[in-house]
Amino acid sequence: MGELIDATPTETLDTLGRVCPYPLVLTKKAIEKLGSGSILKVLCDAPASAEDTIPRWAEKQGFGFEMRKLEDKGYWELFIQKK
């Protein structure tokens, strides 16, 4: 782990303040616009989205996925690599 987290993301999506299902919907739209191999960094403070719906969706799509919880800031950084 750490390969995606240490890479420079192609794009960053800020979903802070949004509740389910918006973080997932916005993530899907953002990843559609990116080319294969691109990395999308998602900032998310909705626990259900960060720990469940977005990781599950990324896995189903066969995308690379890593997450880092920033306890001091109260949100997660999700890294998704489009295949």
C-alpha atoms as a PDB file:
ATOM      1  CA  MET A   1       0.000   0.000   0.000  1.00  0.00           C
ATOM      2  CA  GLY A   2       1.100   3.555  -0.608  1.00  0.00           C
ATOM      3  CA  GLU A   3       1.686   3.367  -4.335  1.00  0.00           C
ATOM      4  CA  LEU A   4      -1.366   5.468  -5.246  1.00  0.00           C
ATOM      5  CA  ILE A   5      -1.149   7.663  -2.143  1.00  0.00           C
ATOM      6  CA  ASP A   6       2.445   8.582  -3.015  1.00  0.00           C
ATOM      7  CA  ALA A   7       1.665   9.292  -6.679  1.00  0.00           C
ATOM      8  CA  THR A   8       0.639  12.711  -7.965  1.00  0.00           C
ATOM      9  CA  PRO A   9      -3.103  12.635  -8.699  1.00  0.00           C
ATOM     10  CA  THR A  10      -4.337  13.603 -12.153  1.00  0.00           C
ATOM     11  CA  GLU A  11      -7.293  15.409 -10.592  1.00  0.00           C
ATOM     12  CA  THR A  12      -8.646  16.180  -7.112  1.00  0.00           C
ATOM     13  CA  LEU A  13     -12.368  16.088  -6.322  1.00  0.00           C
ATOM     14  CA  ASP A  14     -13.612  17.850  -3.178  1.00  0.00           C
ATOM     15  CA  THR A  15     -16.828  16.277  -1.845  1.00  0.00           C
ATOM     16  CA  LEU A  16     -16.481  17.688   1.675  1.00  0.00           C
ATOM     17  CA  GLY A  17     -19.843  18.537   3.205  1.00  0.00           C
ATOM     18  CA  ARG A  18     -21.732  16.235   0.826  1.00  0.00           C
ATOM     19  CA  VAL A  19     -23.639  13.222   2.131  1.00  0.00           C
ATOM     20  CA  CYS A  20     -24.434   9.894   0.496  1.00  0.00           C
ATOM     21  CA  PRO A  21     -24.997   9.359  -2.387  1.00  0.00           C
ATOM     22  CA  TYR A  22     -23.418  12.567  -3.723  1.00  0.00           C
ATOM     23  CA  PRO A  23     -19.739  11.692  -3.113  1.00  0.00           C
ATOM     24  CA  LEU A  24     -20.149   8.475  -5.123  1.00  0.00           C
ATOM     25  CA  VAL A  25     -22.143  10.178  -7.892  1.00  0.00           C
ATOM     26  CA  LEU A  26     -19.568  12.964  -8.215  1.00  0.00           C
ATOM     27  CA  THR A  27     -16.702  10.431  -8.117  1.00  0.00           C
ATOM     28  CA  LYS A  28     -18.257   8.395 -10.953  1.00  0.00           C
ATOM     29  CA  LYS A  29     -18.689  11.532 -13.090  1.00  0.00           C
ATOM     30  CA  ALA A  30     -15.126  12.685 -12.440  1.00  0.00           C
ATOM     31  CA  ILE A  31     -13.542   9.299 -13.204  1.00  0.00           C
ATOM     32  CA  GLU A  32     -15.498   9.011 -16.486  1.00  0.00           C
ATOM     33  CA  LYS A  33     -13.681  12.086 -17.785  1.00  0.00           C
ATOM     34  CA  LEU A  34     -10.215  10.707 -17.003  1.00  0.00           C
ATOM     35  CA  GLY A  35      -8.082   8.529 -19.224  1.00  0.00           C
ATOM     36  CA  SER A  36      -6.831   5.045 -18.412  1.00  0.00           C
ATOM     37  CA  GLY A  37      -4.125   5.038 -15.748  1.00  0.00           C
ATOM     38  CA  SER A  38      -5.231   8.403 -14.324  1.00  0.00           C
ATOM     39  CA  ILE A  39      -5.497   8.841 -10.567  1.00  0.00           C
ATOM     40  CA  LEU A  40      -8.410  10.657  -8.969  1.00  0.00           C
ATOM     41  CA  LYS A  41      -7.979  11.940  -5.404  1.00  0.00           C
ATOM     42  CA  VAL A  42     -11.305  12.360  -3.605  1.00  0.00           C
ATOM     43  CA  LEU A  43     -11.649  14.374  -0.388  1.00  0.00           C
ATOM     44  CA  CYS A  44     -14.594  12.966   1.536  1.00  0.00           C
ATOM     45  CA  ASP A  45     -15.974  13.496   5.048  1.00  0.00           C
ATOM     46  CA  ALA A  46     -18.997  11.193   4.747  1.00  0.00           C
ATOM     47  CA  PRO A  47     -18.071   7.938   6.548  1.00  0.00           C
ATOM     48  CA  ALA A  48     -20.516   5.739   4.592  1.00  0.00           C
ATOM     49  CA  SER A  49     -19.136   6.976   1.270  1.00  0.00           C
ATOM     50  CA  ALA A  50     -15.472   6.890   2.275  1.00  0.00           C
ATOM     51  CA  GLU A  51     -15.484   3.502   3.965  1.00  0.00           C
ATOM     52  CA  ASP A  52     -18.176   1.635   2.046  1.00  0.00           C
ATOM     53  CA  THR A  53     -19.811   2.830  -1.175  1.00  0.00           C
ATOM     54  CA  ILE A  54     -16.824   4.366  -2.978  1.00  0.00           C
ATOM     55  CA  PRO A  55     -14.326   1.554  -2.127  1.00  0.00           C
ATOM     56  CA  ARG A  56     -16.902  -1.102  -3.075  1.00  0.00           C
ATOM     57  CA  TRP A  57     -17.693   0.629  -6.368  1.00  0.00           C
ATOM     58  CA  ALA A  58     -13.979   1.040  -7.218  1.00  0.00           C
ATOM     59  CA  GLU A  59     -13.344  -2.655  -6.529  1.00  0.00           C
ATOM     60  CA  LYS A  60     -16.294  -3.709  -8.714  1.00  0.00           C
ATOM     61  CA  GLN A  61     -14.885  -1.578 -11.543  1.00  0.00           C
ATOM     62  CA  GLY A  62     -11.457  -3.190 -11.148  1.00  0.00           C
ATOM     63  CA  PHE A  63      -9.853   0.162 -10.326  1.00  0.00           C
ATOM     64  CA  GLY A  64      -6.865   0.584  -8.044  1.00  0.00           C
ATOM     65  CA  PHE A  65      -7.924   2.001  -4.681  1.00  0.00           C
ATOM     66  CA  GLU A  66      -6.208   3.284  -1.557  1.00  0.00           C
ATOM     67  CA  MET A  67      -7.502   5.409   1.291  1.00  0.00           C
ATOM     68  CA  ARG A  68      -5.997   7.483   4.041  1.00  0.00           C
ATOM     69  CA  LYS A  69      -8.007   8.844   6.978  1.00  0.00           C
ATOM     70  CA  LEU A  70      -6.810  12.214   8.222  1.00  0.00           C
ATOM     71  CA  GLU A  71      -8.014  12.034  11.833  1.00  0.00           C
ATOM     72  CA  ASP A  72      -6.872  15.566  12.657  1.00  0.00           C
ATOM     73  CA  LYS A  73      -8.808  17.040   9.720  1.00  0.00           C
ATOM     74  CA  GLY A  74     -11.888  14.822   9.983  1.00  0.00           C
ATOM     75  CA  TYR A  75     -11.917  13.497   6.435  1.00  0.00           C
ATOM     76  CA  TRP A  76     -10.549  10.814   4.150  1.00  0.00           C
ATOM     77  CA  GLU A  77      -8.392  11.017   1.043  1.00  0.00           C
ATOM     78  CA  LEU A  78      -9.447   8.358  -1.446  1.00  0.00           C
ATOM     79  CA  PHE A  79      -7.167   7.519  -4.359  1.00  0.00           C
ATOM     80  CA  ILE A  80      -8.709   5.750  -7.342  1.00  0.00           C
ATOM     81  CA  GLN A  81      -6.712   4.684 -10.380  1.00  0.00           C
ATOM     82  CA  LYS A  82      -8.727   4.158 -13.519  1.00  0.00           C
ATOM     83  CA  LYS A  83      -7.813   1.010 -15.448  1.00  0.00           C
END
